[in-house]
């Protein structure tokens, strides 16, 4: 028995020595699983980790990504409940779908395959290399989801991350970062691949943007913080505001259009930036669409004074949606407006003119105005006006291919959805169906569109004029 114990101790000792050489677990964690008191301390730790991580093989990055994907699996429902509890926005069911999307639909290193050209001029090769430490900022509408999706993309690219939490979701964001660090450390021995600070603030975000060891910025938030990133002098990926119109022409499958619009506009109580914020419909099918949207769970407000009461109540004096109502249930909004209803409507709809504040404002709540237009030409023109040149998201319900083609071209948005719910543009599919890569960072102001691991890498070129080509050789 004594010899067996000695053998076990010897084997474990040898394995620990091997792992210390292979993994270089030399980092100290002055914070609490990636959480530090100051911006400087957090970025210094991320920089120290990056200096090691940048030399790791792709297999090591895959080990990190697998640890995150598998490690969070048992916590998804709890995370969804905690996000709902802390932010007071959306629904638990939608947050479960978004977390699954972030974890399992976010592509990793497979997108970073090198490109090569060969010929008489030798070899030209392009590879995707990390920037370094990336400074990221996330919203309160998708706190843990953005941390996870950004971490998977950025770590796949070989970067480390400083994450600036939204103060309205700082508890669940901190927990997510701490758990991520715990999972990665258990799997690889590395710490501080993703870091943050104890008390997030606007000042800390500004300090992070100016820090010399931040190589690149990825900002998901309002116009002001995106603007700050774009004038920082650093490479910036900016995910800005949107006001997505849903167009419905006379040829549309109205049953499908009504279902998709109500389902998507009520998903997570409309806090997704991709969610339908207004419906622009051809007049000949307006009444049928409204009737069928009501069958799908929408509540139609018909009294003009009630419509104005909702508008005045939900839009603040600064012209932005009132945070008291952002992401809240339709029933809460109706109750606050003193409007009686039956059942449990999940979306509030009303007819308005095209220049109504509810049309021109990104409401981020289950309140969707409907604008009627005499022709498809007018539908498209009104949709372009309502979208406001943000180039974010738009959708169309139509069986007319030229109309679809013209609308897709003219809207010029990062996401365009045809005969579907716009949440598919984020990777969330109906009934769990695959709807493409997750898109939690949709970079419209800076033009990258739906971000992936490739977005957070530098494209590097190598030329070898002497060789290499298998097709020919001349000594």
Protein backbone atom coordinates (compact mmCIF):
# COMPACT_ATOMS: atom_id res chain seq x y z
CA UNK A 1 0.00 0.00 0.00
CA UNK A 2 2.85 2.38 0.91
CA UNK A 3 4.60 1.72 -2.41
CA UNK A 4 1.32 2.38 -4.26
CA UNK A 5 0.87 5.73 -2.49
CA UNK A 6 4.47 6.69 -3.30
CA UNK A 7 3.95 5.77 -6.96
CA UNK A 8 0.77 7.86 -7.13
CA UNK A 9 2.53 10.85 -5.53
CA UNK A 10 5.47 10.50 -7.95
CA UNK A 11 3.19 10.28 -11.00
CA UNK A 12 1.13 13.28 -9.88
CA UNK A 13 4.28 15.28 -9.22
CA UNK A 14 5.64 14.48 -12.67
CA UNK A 15 2.35 15.39 -14.33
CA UNK A 16 2.20 18.69 -12.45
CA UNK A 17 5.73 19.50 -13.57
CA UNK A 18 4.79 18.72 -17.17
CA UNK A 19 1.65 20.86 -17.04
CA UNK A 20 3.55 23.77 -15.52
CA UNK A 21 5.90 23.71 -18.49
CA UNK A 22 3.19 23.21 -21.11
CA UNK A 23 0.62 25.63 -19.74
CA UNK A 24 2.89 28.15 -17.98
CA UNK A 25 0.51 28.82 -15.12
CA UNK A 26 2.67 31.64 -13.81
CA UNK A 27 -0.11 34.18 -13.44
CA UNK A 28 -1.19 35.42 -10.06
CA UNK A 29 -4.80 36.43 -9.62
CA UNK A 30 -4.86 39.60 -7.55
CA UNK A 31 -8.55 39.91 -8.35
CA UNK A 32 -11.41 37.53 -7.79
CA UNK A 33 -11.54 35.27 -10.84
CA UNK A 34 -10.89 38.10 -13.25
CA UNK A 35 -12.49 40.91 -11.24
CA UNK A 36 -10.17 43.72 -10.13
CA UNK A 37 -10.49 46.97 -8.21
CA UNK A 38 -9.10 49.26 -10.91
CA UNK A 39 -9.02 49.45 -14.69
CA UNK A 40 -5.21 49.50 -14.69
CA UNK A 41 -4.99 46.33 -12.59
CA UNK A 42 -7.51 44.51 -14.77
CA UNK A 43 -5.87 45.46 -18.06
CA UNK A 44 -2.41 44.62 -16.70
CA UNK A 45 -3.65 41.13 -15.82
CA UNK A 46 -5.25 40.69 -19.25
CA UNK A 47 -2.02 41.87 -20.91
CA UNK A 48 0.03 39.41 -18.87
CA UNK A 49 -2.35 36.62 -19.88
CA UNK A 50 -2.24 37.71 -23.53
CA UNK A 51 1.55 37.52 -23.60
CA UNK A 52 1.19 33.81 -22.84
CA UNK A 53 -2.05 33.08 -24.71
CA UNK A 54 -0.79 34.53 -27.99
CA UNK A 55 1.83 31.76 -28.22
CA UNK A 56 -0.60 28.92 -27.54
CA UNK A 57 -1.58 26.51 -30.33
CA UNK A 58 -5.07 26.54 -31.85
CA UNK A 59 -5.81 23.34 -29.92
CA UNK A 60 -5.33 25.27 -26.69
CA UNK A 61 -7.82 27.92 -27.80
CA UNK A 62 -10.29 25.14 -28.60
CA UNK A 63 -9.80 23.76 -25.11
CA UNK A 64 -10.69 27.19 -23.69
CA UNK A 65 -13.81 27.50 -25.86
CA UNK A 66 -14.98 23.99 -24.98
CA UNK A 67 -14.56 24.72 -21.27
CA UNK A 68 -16.81 27.78 -21.63
CA UNK A 69 -19.47 26.08 -23.76
CA UNK A 70 -19.74 22.97 -21.62
CA UNK A 71 -19.14 24.62 -18.27
CA UNK A 72 -22.03 27.08 -18.55
CA UNK A 73 -24.52 24.43 -19.67
CA UNK A 74 -25.88 23.61 -16.18
CA UNK A 75 -26.32 27.31 -15.32
CA UNK A 76 -28.36 28.55 -18.28
CA UNK A 77 -31.76 28.62 -16.60
CA UNK A 78 -30.40 30.17 -13.41
CA UNK A 79 -28.56 32.81 -15.43
CA UNK A 80 -31.72 33.65 -17.37
CA UNK A 81 -33.67 34.12 -14.13
CA UNK A 82 -30.91 36.25 -12.62
CA UNK A 83 -30.73 38.49 -15.70
CA UNK A 84 -34.49 38.99 -15.57
CA UNK A 85 -34.39 39.70 -11.84
CA UNK A 86 -31.53 42.21 -11.97
CA UNK A 87 -32.49 44.11 -15.13
CA UNK A 88 -36.27 43.80 -14.83
CA UNK A 89 -36.47 43.41 -18.60
CA UNK A 90 -37.66 40.71 -20.96
CA UNK A 91 -38.67 37.13 -20.25
CA UNK A 92 -36.85 34.15 -18.80
CA UNK A 93 -37.80 31.93 -21.77
CA UNK A 94 -36.28 34.35 -24.28
CA UNK A 95 -33.11 34.72 -22.23
CA UNK A 96 -32.67 30.94 -22.14
CA UNK A 97 -32.91 30.93 -25.95
CA UNK A 98 -30.40 33.80 -26.21
CA UNK A 99 -27.93 32.16 -23.84
CA UNK A 100 -28.09 28.89 -25.78
CA UNK A 101 -27.57 30.88 -28.96
CA UNK A 102 -24.51 32.65 -27.55
CA UNK A 103 -22.95 29.45 -26.22
CA UNK A 104 -23.62 27.02 -29.04
CA UNK A 105 -24.13 29.12 -32.20
CA UNK A 106 -21.05 31.31 -31.86
CA UNK A 107 -18.39 30.02 -34.30
CA UNK A 108 -14.84 29.68 -33.08
CA UNK A 109 -11.45 29.03 -34.62
CA UNK A 110 -12.93 27.19 -37.61
CA UNK A 111 -13.52 30.56 -39.27
CA UNK A 112 -9.85 31.44 -39.15
CA UNK A 113 -8.55 29.06 -41.80
CA UNK A 114 -5.58 30.51 -43.69
CA UNK A 115 -5.79 31.46 -47.36
CA UNK A 116 -2.99 30.60 -49.79
CA UNK A 117 -2.05 31.39 -53.38
CA UNK A 118 0.76 29.65 -55.23
CA UNK A 119 2.32 30.03 -58.65
CA UNK A 120 5.48 31.02 -60.45
CA UNK A 121 5.87 33.89 -58.02
CA UNK A 122 6.04 31.54 -55.08
CA UNK A 123 3.68 31.43 -52.10
CA UNK A 124 1.36 34.12 -50.77
CA UNK A 125 -0.37 33.25 -47.51
CA UNK A 126 -2.89 35.15 -45.40
CA UNK A 127 -3.53 34.31 -41.76
CA UNK A 128 -5.73 35.81 -39.06
CA UNK A 129 -3.75 36.96 -36.02
CA UNK A 130 -4.88 38.44 -32.69
CA UNK A 131 -4.95 42.15 -31.90
CA UNK A 132 -4.03 41.71 -28.23
CA UNK A 133 -6.20 42.91 -25.36
CA UNK A 134 -9.65 43.94 -26.62
CA UNK A 135 -11.77 46.42 -24.71
CA UNK A 136 -15.44 45.46 -24.86
CA UNK A 137 -18.58 47.16 -23.55
CA UNK A 138 -21.93 45.41 -23.28
CA UNK A 139 -25.57 46.44 -22.82
CA UNK A 140 -27.97 45.73 -19.97
CA UNK A 141 -30.37 44.15 -22.49
CA UNK A 142 -28.03 41.19 -23.20
CA UNK A 143 -25.45 41.20 -20.40
CA UNK A 144 -24.32 37.60 -19.94
CA UNK A 145 -25.12 36.74 -23.55
CA UNK A 146 -22.78 39.46 -24.81
CA UNK A 147 -20.00 38.50 -22.41
CA UNK A 148 -20.17 34.88 -23.54
CA UNK A 149 -20.49 35.51 -27.28
CA UNK A 150 -17.78 38.19 -27.28
CA UNK A 151 -15.47 36.03 -25.19
CA UNK A 152 -15.88 33.06 -27.52
CA UNK A 153 -15.20 35.17 -30.62
CA UNK A 154 -12.31 37.14 -29.18
CA UNK A 155 -10.62 34.21 -27.46
CA UNK A 156 -10.99 32.15 -30.64
CA UNK A 157 -9.03 34.91 -32.35
CA UNK A 158 -6.23 34.62 -29.78
CA UNK A 159 -7.07 37.82 -27.87
CA UNK A 160 -7.82 38.47 -24.22
CA UNK A 161 -10.65 40.75 -23.12
CA UNK A 162 -11.38 43.60 -20.74
CA UNK A 163 -15.16 43.77 -20.38
CA UNK A 164 -16.94 46.92 -19.26
CA UNK A 165 -20.21 45.91 -17.65
CA UNK A 166 -23.37 47.99 -17.87
CA UNK A 167 -24.10 49.32 -14.36
CA UNK A 168 -27.70 48.10 -14.73
CA UNK A 169 -26.50 44.50 -15.03
CA UNK A 170 -23.25 44.55 -13.05
CA UNK A 171 -24.10 41.65 -10.72
CA UNK A 172 -24.92 39.08 -13.36
CA UNK A 173 -22.10 40.33 -15.60
CA UNK A 174 -19.60 39.94 -12.78
CA UNK A 175 -20.87 36.46 -11.99
CA UNK A 176 -20.57 35.46 -15.64
CA UNK A 177 -16.97 36.70 -15.88
CA UNK A 178 -16.00 35.01 -12.61
CA UNK A 179 -17.57 31.72 -13.65
CA UNK A 180 -15.91 31.91 -17.07
CA UNK A 181 -12.51 32.39 -15.45
CA UNK A 182 -13.16 29.52 -13.07
CA UNK A 183 -14.10 27.20 -15.93
CA UNK A 184 -11.10 28.18 -18.05
CA UNK A 185 -8.68 27.85 -15.15
CA UNK A 186 -9.97 24.38 -14.27
CA UNK A 187 -9.56 23.26 -17.89
CA UNK A 188 -6.27 24.95 -18.82
CA UNK A 189 -4.57 26.49 -15.79
CA UNK A 190 -4.79 29.98 -17.27
CA UNK A 191 -6.30 32.98 -15.53
CA UNK A 192 -7.55 36.40 -16.57
CA UNK A 193 -8.37 35.73 -20.21
CA UNK A 194 -11.47 37.87 -19.55
CA UNK A 195 -11.33 40.61 -16.90
CA UNK A 196 -13.44 43.40 -15.46
CA UNK A 197 -13.66 45.66 -12.41
CA UNK A 198 -15.75 45.60 -9.24
CA UNK A 199 -17.66 48.85 -9.83
CA UNK A 200 -18.31 49.63 -13.51
CA UNK A 201 -18.90 53.26 -14.49
CA UNK A 202 -18.86 55.61 -17.46
CA UNK A 203 -15.52 56.95 -16.25
CA UNK A 204 -14.00 53.46 -16.17
CA UNK A 205 -15.14 52.85 -19.76
CA UNK A 206 -13.51 56.10 -20.86
CA UNK A 207 -10.32 55.17 -19.03
CA UNK A 208 -10.32 51.75 -20.69
CA UNK A 209 -10.75 53.26 -24.17
CA UNK A 210 -7.67 55.45 -23.69
CA UNK A 211 -5.48 52.79 -22.09
CA UNK A 212 -2.29 52.13 -24.12
CA UNK A 213 -2.54 48.34 -23.66
CA UNK A 214 -6.03 48.14 -25.20
CA UNK A 215 -5.41 47.25 -28.85
CA UNK A 216 -8.98 47.29 -30.14
CA UNK A 217 -12.50 48.22 -29.01
CA UNK A 218 -15.81 46.40 -29.38
CA UNK A 219 -18.71 48.53 -28.17
CA UNK A 220 -22.34 47.47 -27.89
CA UNK A 221 -24.40 50.38 -26.64
CA UNK A 222 -25.94 53.75 -27.35
CA UNK A 223 -24.73 56.34 -29.89
CA UNK A 224 -22.70 58.29 -27.31
CA UNK A 225 -20.47 55.40 -26.21
CA UNK A 226 -20.07 54.17 -29.80
CA UNK A 227 -19.02 57.70 -30.82
CA UNK A 228 -16.44 57.76 -28.02
CA UNK A 229 -14.98 54.52 -29.33
CA UNK A 230 -14.84 55.79 -32.90
CA UNK A 231 -12.87 58.91 -31.92
CA UNK A 232 -10.56 57.02 -29.55
CA UNK A 233 -7.87 56.55 -32.19
CA UNK A 234 -8.12 52.77 -31.85
CA UNK A 235 -9.59 50.16 -34.18
CA UNK A 236 -13.27 50.05 -33.14
CA UNK A 237 -16.18 47.75 -33.83
CA UNK A 238 -19.34 49.64 -32.97
CA UNK A 239 -22.77 48.09 -32.50
CA UNK A 240 -25.24 50.96 -32.54
CA UNK A 241 -28.95 51.63 -32.42
CA UNK A 242 -31.60 50.33 -34.81
CA UNK A 243 -35.28 50.93 -35.55
CA UNK A 244 -36.22 47.89 -37.66
CA UNK A 245 -39.29 48.17 -39.89
CA UNK A 246 -41.30 45.11 -40.92
CA UNK A 247 -42.74 45.59 -44.41
CA UNK A 248 -45.84 43.67 -45.54
CA UNK A 249 -46.95 43.90 -49.17
CA UNK A 250 -50.18 42.82 -50.85
CA UNK A 251 -48.76 39.44 -51.91
CA UNK A 252 -47.68 38.35 -48.42
CA UNK A 253 -48.84 35.22 -46.65
CA UNK A 254 -50.73 37.20 -44.02
CA UNK A 255 -51.14 34.29 -41.61
CA UNK A 256 -47.37 33.75 -41.59
CA UNK A 257 -46.60 37.46 -41.46
CA UNK A 258 -48.91 38.02 -38.48
CA UNK A 259 -47.44 35.07 -36.60
CA UNK A 260 -43.82 36.03 -37.27
CA UNK A 261 -44.22 39.70 -36.42
CA UNK A 262 -46.08 39.11 -33.13
CA UNK A 263 -43.76 36.27 -32.14
CA UNK A 264 -40.62 38.27 -32.86
CA UNK A 265 -41.72 41.72 -31.66
CA UNK A 266 -42.81 40.22 -28.32
CA UNK A 267 -39.67 38.05 -27.95
CA UNK A 268 -37.90 39.17 -24.76
CA UNK A 269 -40.41 42.06 -24.71
CA UNK A 270 -38.78 43.65 -27.76
CA UNK A 271 -35.43 44.58 -26.17
CA UNK A 272 -33.46 43.01 -29.01
CA UNK A 273 -32.12 45.73 -31.29
CA UNK A 274 -33.15 43.53 -34.24
CA UNK A 275 -36.80 43.27 -33.15
CA UNK A 276 -39.55 44.72 -35.32
CA UNK A 277 -40.19 48.22 -34.02
CA UNK A 278 -42.86 49.27 -36.54
CA UNK A 279 -44.96 47.59 -39.25
CA UNK A 280 -45.38 49.25 -42.65
CA UNK A 281 -48.19 47.54 -44.57
CA UNK A 282 -49.80 47.92 -47.98
CA UNK A 283 -53.34 49.26 -47.44
CA UNK A 284 -55.15 46.45 -49.25
CA UNK A 285 -54.06 43.88 -46.62
CA UNK A 286 -53.88 46.11 -43.54
CA UNK A 287 -57.19 45.06 -41.97
CA UNK A 288 -56.49 41.36 -42.47
CA UNK A 289 -53.01 41.72 -40.98
CA UNK A 290 -54.27 43.56 -37.89
CA UNK A 291 -57.05 41.02 -37.35
CA UNK A 292 -54.63 38.09 -37.56
CA UNK A 293 -52.05 39.81 -35.34
CA UNK A 294 -54.76 40.06 -32.70
CA UNK A 295 -55.39 36.32 -33.04
CA UNK A 296 -51.66 35.78 -32.42
CA UNK A 297 -51.81 37.63 -29.08
CA UNK A 298 -51.53 41.32 -29.95
CA UNK A 299 -53.81 43.90 -28.33
CA UNK A 300 -55.12 46.63 -30.66
CA UNK A 301 -55.45 50.10 -29.14
CA UNK A 302 -58.01 52.00 -31.20
CA UNK A 303 -58.81 55.09 -29.14
CA UNK A 304 -56.61 58.01 -30.25
CA UNK A 305 -56.36 59.42 -26.73
CA UNK A 306 -55.17 56.01 -25.45
CA UNK A 307 -52.52 55.90 -28.19
CA UNK A 308 -51.25 59.34 -27.22
CA UNK A 309 -51.30 58.38 -23.53
CA UNK A 310 -49.08 55.38 -24.27
CA UNK A 311 -46.74 57.54 -26.36
CA UNK A 312 -46.48 60.30 -23.76
CA UNK A 313 -46.01 57.76 -20.98
CA UNK A 314 -43.35 55.60 -22.65
CA UNK A 315 -41.26 58.27 -24.40
CA UNK A 316 -39.24 60.50 -22.07
CA UNK A 317 -38.79 64.25 -22.35
CA UNK A 318 -35.45 63.69 -24.08
CA UNK A 319 -37.15 61.71 -26.85
CA UNK A 320 -35.78 58.35 -25.71
CA UNK A 321 -37.89 55.44 -24.43
CA UNK A 322 -38.57 55.69 -20.71
CA UNK A 323 -36.49 53.04 -18.90
CA UNK A 324 -39.45 52.36 -16.61
CA UNK A 325 -41.13 50.64 -19.57
CA UNK A 326 -38.16 49.25 -21.54
CA UNK A 327 -38.46 45.48 -21.77
CA UNK A 328 -41.59 45.36 -19.61
CA UNK A 329 -44.60 43.12 -20.29
CA UNK A 330 -47.37 44.46 -22.53
CA UNK A 331 -49.82 43.98 -19.66
CA UNK A 332 -47.69 46.19 -17.40
CA UNK A 333 -47.73 48.98 -19.98
CA UNK A 334 -51.49 48.67 -20.51
CA UNK A 335 -52.10 48.70 -16.75
CA UNK A 336 -49.93 51.79 -16.29
CA UNK A 337 -51.84 53.52 -19.11
CA UNK A 338 -55.18 52.62 -17.51
CA UNK A 339 -56.32 50.64 -20.55
CA UNK A 340 -58.54 47.63 -19.88
CA UNK A 341 -57.96 44.36 -21.72
CA UNK A 342 -58.86 40.69 -21.68
CA UNK A 343 -56.48 37.78 -21.33
CA UNK A 344 -52.70 38.25 -21.39
CA UNK A 345 -51.72 40.13 -24.54
CA UNK A 346 -48.02 39.96 -25.35
CA UNK A 347 -47.83 42.86 -27.81
CA UNK A 348 -49.54 46.25 -28.08
CA UNK A 349 -50.37 47.50 -31.58
CA UNK A 350 -52.05 50.62 -32.93
CA UNK A 351 -52.47 52.49 -36.22
CA UNK A 352 -50.50 55.72 -36.50
CA UNK A 353 -49.24 58.10 -39.19
CA UNK A 354 -45.70 57.52 -40.44
CA UNK A 355 -44.22 60.50 -38.57
CA UNK A 356 -45.65 59.50 -35.17
CA UNK A 357 -43.08 59.38 -32.32
CA UNK A 358 -43.85 55.68 -31.73
CA UNK A 359 -42.76 55.01 -35.32
CA UNK A 360 -39.64 57.15 -35.31
CA UNK A 361 -38.37 56.05 -31.86
CA UNK A 362 -36.60 52.75 -31.09
CA UNK A 363 -38.99 51.80 -28.32
CA UNK A 364 -37.39 48.58 -26.95
CA UNK A 365 -40.72 47.47 -25.52
CA UNK A 366 -43.70 45.47 -26.85
CA UNK A 367 -45.37 48.52 -28.41
CA UNK A 368 -45.48 48.38 -32.21
CA UNK A 369 -47.24 51.00 -34.38
CA UNK A 370 -48.72 50.07 -37.75
CA UNK A 371 -48.51 52.44 -40.72
CA UNK A 372 -50.66 51.91 -43.81
CA UNK A 373 -49.44 52.90 -47.29
CA UNK A 374 -51.34 52.82 -50.61
CA UNK A 375 -48.64 51.07 -52.69
CA UNK A 376 -45.51 49.01 -52.18
CA UNK A 377 -43.45 51.93 -53.42
CA UNK A 378 -44.82 53.95 -50.51
CA UNK A 379 -44.27 51.05 -48.10
CA UNK A 380 -40.57 50.90 -49.01
CA UNK A 381 -40.09 54.67 -48.89
CA UNK A 382 -41.74 54.84 -45.46
CA UNK A 383 -39.65 51.93 -44.17
CA UNK A 384 -36.44 53.64 -45.28
CA UNK A 385 -37.54 56.83 -43.52
CA UNK A 386 -38.48 55.02 -40.30
CA UNK A 387 -35.22 53.03 -40.24
CA UNK A 388 -33.44 56.36 -40.22
CA UNK A 389 -30.32 55.36 -42.11
CA UNK A 390 -29.08 53.27 -39.19
CA UNK A 391 -28.50 50.29 -41.54
CA UNK A 392 -29.27 47.84 -38.74
CA UNK A 393 -32.16 45.45 -39.45
CA UNK A 394 -35.25 45.30 -41.64
CA UNK A 395 -37.67 42.61 -42.79
CA UNK A 396 -40.22 42.02 -45.50
CA UNK A 397 -43.19 39.70 -45.84
CA UNK A 398 -43.89 39.16 -49.52
CA UNK A 399 -44.23 36.54 -52.25
CA UNK A 400 -43.06 39.02 -54.90
CA UNK A 401 -39.37 38.45 -55.67
CA UNK A 402 -38.77 41.85 -57.30
CA UNK A 403 -40.26 43.56 -54.25
CA UNK A 404 -38.06 41.48 -51.95
CA UNK A 405 -34.97 42.20 -54.04
CA UNK A 406 -35.68 45.93 -54.25
CA UNK A 407 -36.35 46.20 -50.52
CA UNK A 408 -33.21 44.27 -49.56
CA UNK A 409 -31.12 46.51 -51.82
CA UNK A 410 -32.70 49.79 -50.78
CA UNK A 411 -32.76 49.15 -47.02
CA UNK A 412 -29.00 48.35 -47.07
CA UNK A 413 -29.13 46.93 -43.52
CA UNK A 414 -26.67 44.62 -41.78
CA UNK A 415 -29.51 42.11 -41.30
CA UNK A 416 -32.40 41.63 -43.71
CA UNK A 417 -35.01 38.94 -43.07
CA UNK A 418 -37.46 37.62 -45.67
CA UNK A 419 -40.73 36.04 -44.50
CA UNK A 420 -39.43 35.35 -41.02
CA UNK A 421 -39.07 36.64 -37.49
CA UNK A 422 -36.19 39.10 -37.22
CA UNK A 423 -34.75 37.34 -34.17
CA UNK A 424 -33.37 34.78 -36.64
CA UNK A 425 -30.91 37.51 -37.61
CA UNK A 426 -29.26 37.03 -34.21
CA UNK A 427 -29.02 33.25 -34.66
CA UNK A 428 -32.08 32.43 -32.55
CA UNK A 429 -34.28 30.05 -34.55
CA UNK A 430 -37.94 29.18 -34.07
CA UNK A 431 -38.36 25.95 -32.08
CA UNK A 432 -34.61 25.71 -31.63
CA UNK A 433 -33.87 25.50 -35.36
CA UNK A 434 -30.42 26.61 -36.49
CA UNK A 435 -30.53 30.16 -37.87
CA UNK A 436 -26.86 30.77 -38.57
CA UNK A 437 -24.07 32.10 -36.40
CA UNK A 438 -25.01 34.00 -33.27
CA UNK A 439 -24.99 37.77 -33.71
CA UNK A 440 -24.84 39.54 -30.37
CA UNK A 441 -22.55 42.26 -31.71
CA UNK A 442 -24.00 43.82 -34.86
CA UNK A 443 -21.55 46.45 -36.01
CA UNK A 444 -23.53 48.84 -38.18
CA UNK A 445 -21.83 52.22 -37.53
CA UNK A 446 -18.38 50.79 -38.32
CA UNK A 447 -19.60 48.49 -41.09
CA UNK A 448 -18.51 45.00 -40.02
CA UNK A 449 -22.09 43.74 -39.70
CA UNK A 450 -22.65 40.61 -37.64
CA UNK A 451 -19.37 40.02 -35.83
CA UNK A 452 -17.49 36.69 -35.70
CA UNK A 453 -14.06 35.58 -34.53
CA UNK A 454 -12.62 36.90 -37.81
CA UNK A 455 -13.82 40.41 -36.91
CA UNK A 456 -11.41 40.42 -33.97
CA UNK A 457 -8.28 39.45 -35.87
CA UNK A 458 -5.70 41.15 -38.08
CA UNK A 459 -5.32 39.79 -41.60
CA UNK A 460 -1.60 39.23 -42.10
CA UNK A 461 0.18 38.47 -45.36
CA UNK A 462 3.28 36.35 -45.89
CA UNK A 463 5.19 36.23 -49.21
CA UNK A 464 7.73 33.55 -50.03
CA UNK A 465 8.92 34.29 -53.61
CA UNK A 466 11.36 31.37 -53.82
CA UNK A 467 8.73 28.71 -53.07
CA UNK A 468 6.25 26.99 -52.47
CA UNK A 469 4.29 25.48 -55.34
CA UNK A 470 3.58 21.81 -55.99
CA UNK A 471 2.53 22.45 -59.59
CA UNK A 472 5.88 23.57 -60.96
CA UNK A 473 9.53 23.96 -60.12
CA UNK A 474 12.37 25.79 -61.82
CA UNK A 475 15.75 25.55 -60.12
